[in-house]
Amino acid sequence: MSTDAKPMHSKCLEGKLSWCFCNRAKADNKVPGSYKSVKTKLSEVVAKILPVYQRLAAKEIHLRFFFLAKPKIQMKVNRVVWEEMPKDVFVSKRRIDLEVTAAVSVL
């Protein structure tokens, strides 16, 4: 977790619209504020969010959604994926995973 001595913002969204106060300040050419101004302890937030994130990120939930979904939904997912990635063009497994995730998120 980030501290004043060791800030860790490499995975935070950059720019003025970032939810990360440090990266927002950098985008405005300002010095980021101290972590002492944060009232809620980050460890408390992480303790509540992490289990939910891990459940949602698990492969099992994605497989369950895809295989138990009605055929109509599967067809929609396939249509969105193939619009972005034609079947006749080779792409990596990572690209396929990203496109399927994007397709599911727009449905």
C-alpha atoms as a PDB file:
ATOM      1  CA  MET A   1       0.000   0.000   0.000  1.00  0.00           C
ATOM      2  CA  SER A   2       1.130   3.529  -0.715  1.00  0.00           C
ATOM      3  CA  THR A   3       2.673   5.717   1.945  1.00  0.00           C
ATOM      4  CA  ASP A   4       4.353   9.126   1.890  1.00  0.00           C
ATOM      5  CA  ALA A   5       7.720   7.349   1.983  1.00  0.00           C
ATOM      6  CA  LYS A   6       6.803   4.789  -0.690  1.00  0.00           C
ATOM      7  CA  PRO A   7       4.033   5.900  -3.063  1.00  0.00           C
ATOM      8  CA  MET A   8       2.783   3.167  -5.410  1.00  0.00           C
ATOM      9  CA  HIS A   9       0.734   4.576  -8.251  1.00  0.00           C
ATOM     10  CA  SER A  10       2.020   2.653 -11.278  1.00  0.00           C
ATOM     11  CA  LYS A  11      -1.327   0.890 -11.780  1.00  0.00           C
ATOM     12  CA  CYS A  12      -3.494   3.952 -11.139  1.00  0.00           C
ATOM     13  CA  LEU A  13      -5.223   5.743 -13.969  1.00  0.00           C
ATOM     14  CA  GLU A  14      -3.212   8.765 -15.085  1.00  0.00           C
ATOM     15  CA  GLY A  15      -4.467  12.235 -15.953  1.00  0.00           C
ATOM     16  CA  LYS A  16      -6.760  14.912 -14.595  1.00  0.00           C
ATOM     17  CA  LEU A  17      -9.778  12.576 -14.428  1.00  0.00           C
ATOM     18  CA  SER A  18      -7.991   9.916 -12.369  1.00  0.00           C
ATOM     19  CA  TRP A  19      -9.518   8.706  -9.113  1.00  0.00           C
ATOM     20  CA  CYS A  20      -5.946   8.681  -7.745  1.00  0.00           C
ATOM     21  CA  PHE A  21      -5.256  11.961  -5.925  1.00  0.00           C
ATOM     22  CA  CYS A  22      -1.518  11.616  -6.558  1.00  0.00           C
ATOM     23  CA  ASN A  23      -1.841  11.209 -10.341  1.00  0.00           C
ATOM     24  CA  ARG A  24      -4.475  13.980 -10.498  1.00  0.00           C
ATOM     25  CA  ALA A  25      -2.060  16.342  -8.766  1.00  0.00           C
ATOM     26  CA  LYS A  26       0.787  15.354 -11.101  1.00  0.00           C
ATOM     27  CA  ALA A  27      -1.445  16.000 -14.136  1.00  0.00           C
ATOM     28  CA  ASP A  28      -2.114  19.519 -12.808  1.00  0.00           C
ATOM     29  CA  ASN A  29       1.644  20.052 -12.175  1.00  0.00           C
ATOM     30  CA  LYS A  30       1.022  20.232  -8.424  1.00  0.00           C
ATOM     31  CA  VAL A  31       2.673  18.455  -5.520  1.00  0.00           C
ATOM     32  CA  PRO A  32       0.496  15.543  -4.316  1.00  0.00           C
ATOM     33  CA  GLY A  33      -0.928  15.885  -0.819  1.00  0.00           C
ATOM     34  CA  SER A  34       0.115  13.766   2.106  1.00  0.00           C
ATOM     35  CA  TYR A  35      -1.461  10.436   2.944  1.00  0.00           C
ATOM     36  CA  LYS A  36      -2.100  11.837   6.411  1.00  0.00           C
ATOM     37  CA  SER A  37      -5.054  13.762   4.954  1.00  0.00           C
ATOM     38  CA  VAL A  38      -6.771  10.476   4.037  1.00  0.00           C
ATOM     39  CA  LYS A  39      -9.237   9.793   6.849  1.00  0.00           C
ATOM     40  CA  THR A  40     -10.067   6.163   6.103  1.00  0.00           C
ATOM     41  CA  LYS A  41      -7.217   3.737   6.546  1.00  0.00           C
ATOM     42  CA  LEU A  42      -6.465   2.059   3.246  1.00  0.00           C
ATOM     43  CA  SER A  43      -6.032  -1.316   4.917  1.00  0.00           C
ATOM     44  CA  GLU A  44      -9.676  -1.155   6.066  1.00  0.00           C
ATOM     45  CA  VAL A  45     -10.854  -0.408   2.537  1.00  0.00           C
ATOM     46  CA  VAL A  46      -8.710  -3.144   1.000  1.00  0.00           C
ATOM     47  CA  ALA A  47      -9.947  -5.663   3.570  1.00  0.00           C
ATOM     48  CA  LYS A  48     -13.546  -5.033   2.439  1.00  0.00           C
ATOM     49  CA  ILE A  49     -12.945  -4.752  -1.317  1.00  0.00           C
ATOM     50  CA  LEU A  50     -10.387  -7.511  -1.909  1.00  0.00           C
ATOM     51  CA  PRO A  51     -12.700 -10.514  -1.289  1.00  0.00           C
ATOM     52  CA  VAL A  52     -15.301  -9.075  -3.682  1.00  0.00           C
ATOM     53  CA  TYR A  53     -12.650  -8.363  -6.313  1.00  0.00           C
ATOM     54  CA  GLN A  54     -11.223 -11.880  -6.003  1.00  0.00           C
ATOM     55  CA  ARG A  55     -14.678 -13.442  -6.421  1.00  0.00           C
ATOM     56  CA  LEU A  56     -15.438 -11.330  -9.495  1.00  0.00           C
ATOM     57  CA  ALA A  57     -12.008 -11.907 -11.032  1.00  0.00           C
ATOM     58  CA  ALA A  58     -12.098 -15.695 -10.588  1.00  0.00           C
ATOM     59  CA  LYS A  59     -12.161 -17.698 -13.806  1.00  0.00           C
ATOM     60  CA  GLU A  60     -14.931 -19.883 -12.434  1.00  0.00           C
ATOM     61  CA  ILE A  61     -17.446 -17.038 -12.423  1.00  0.00           C
ATOM     62  CA  HIS A  62     -16.650 -16.184 -16.034  1.00  0.00           C
ATOM     63  CA  LEU A  63     -16.947 -19.812 -17.107  1.00  0.00           C
ATOM     64  CA  ARG A  64     -20.182 -20.228 -15.169  1.00  0.00           C
ATOM     65  CA  PHE A  65     -21.641 -17.126 -16.799  1.00  0.00           C
ATOM     66  CA  PHE A  66     -20.665 -18.202 -20.274  1.00  0.00           C
ATOM     67  CA  PHE A  67     -21.729 -21.839 -20.093  1.00  0.00           C
ATOM     68  CA  LEU A  68     -24.922 -21.317 -18.108  1.00  0.00           C
ATOM     69  CA  ALA A  69     -26.024 -18.251 -20.036  1.00  0.00           C
ATOM     70  CA  LYS A  70     -28.883 -18.630 -22.440  1.00  0.00           C
ATOM     71  CA  PRO A  71     -27.898 -19.294 -26.056  1.00  0.00           C
ATOM     72  CA  LYS A  72     -29.191 -15.859 -27.047  1.00  0.00           C
ATOM     73  CA  ILE A  73     -26.702 -14.190 -24.694  1.00  0.00           C
ATOM     74  CA  GLN A  74     -23.889 -16.432 -25.950  1.00  0.00           C
ATOM     75  CA  MET A  75     -24.742 -15.384 -29.501  1.00  0.00           C
ATOM     76  CA  LYS A  76     -24.586 -11.705 -28.505  1.00  0.00           C
ATOM     77  CA  VAL A  77     -21.196 -12.197 -26.846  1.00  0.00           C
ATOM     78  CA  ASN A  78     -19.891 -14.025 -29.917  1.00  0.00           C
ATOM     79  CA  ARG A  79     -21.217 -11.304 -32.250  1.00  0.00           C
ATOM     80  CA  VAL A  80     -19.528  -8.527 -30.267  1.00  0.00           C
ATOM     81  CA  VAL A  81     -16.248 -10.472 -30.066  1.00  0.00           C
ATOM     82  CA  TRP A  82     -16.160 -11.324 -33.778  1.00  0.00           C
ATOM     83  CA  GLU A  83     -16.968  -7.729 -34.745  1.00  0.00           C
ATOM     84  CA  GLU A  84     -13.787  -6.661 -32.964  1.00  0.00           C
ATOM     85  CA  MET A  85     -11.706  -9.716 -33.902  1.00  0.00           C
ATOM     86  CA  PRO A  86     -12.447 -11.345 -37.255  1.00  0.00           C
ATOM     87  CA  LYS A  87     -12.058 -15.129 -37.245  1.00  0.00           C
ATOM     88  CA  ASP A  88      -9.631 -15.088 -40.174  1.00  0.00           C
ATOM     89  CA  VAL A  89      -7.001 -13.017 -38.300  1.00  0.00           C
ATOM     90  CA  PHE A  90      -4.735 -14.737 -35.764  1.00  0.00           C
ATOM     91  CA  VAL A  91      -4.530 -13.052 -32.356  1.00  0.00           C
ATOM     92  CA  SER A  92      -3.029 -14.044 -29.012  1.00  0.00           C
ATOM     93  CA  LYS A  93      -4.981 -15.661 -26.182  1.00  0.00           C
ATOM     94  CA  ARG A  94      -4.500 -12.478 -24.139  1.00  0.00           C
ATOM     95  CA  ARG A  95      -6.187 -10.427 -26.876  1.00  0.00           C
ATOM     96  CA  ILE A  96      -9.082 -12.893 -26.994  1.00  0.00           C
ATOM     97  CA  ASP A  97      -9.473 -12.724 -23.203  1.00  0.00           C
ATOM     98  CA  LEU A  98      -9.527  -8.921 -23.344  1.00  0.00           C
ATOM     99  CA  GLU A  99     -12.089  -8.865 -26.158  1.00  0.00           C
ATOM    100  CA  VAL A 100     -14.371 -11.364 -24.395  1.00  0.00           C
ATOM    101  CA  THR A 101     -14.173  -9.305 -21.199  1.00  0.00           C
ATOM    102  CA  ALA A 102     -15.021  -6.165 -23.159  1.00  0.00           C
ATOM    103  CA  ALA A 103     -17.898  -7.938 -24.921  1.00  0.00           C
ATOM    104  CA  VAL A 104     -19.402  -9.150 -21.652  1.00  0.00           C
ATOM    105  CA  SER A 105     -19.084  -5.688 -20.134  1.00  0.00           C
ATOM    106  CA  VAL A 106     -21.116  -4.027 -22.922  1.00  0.00           C
ATOM    107  CA  LEU A 107     -24.013  -6.484 -22.702  1.00  0.00           C
END
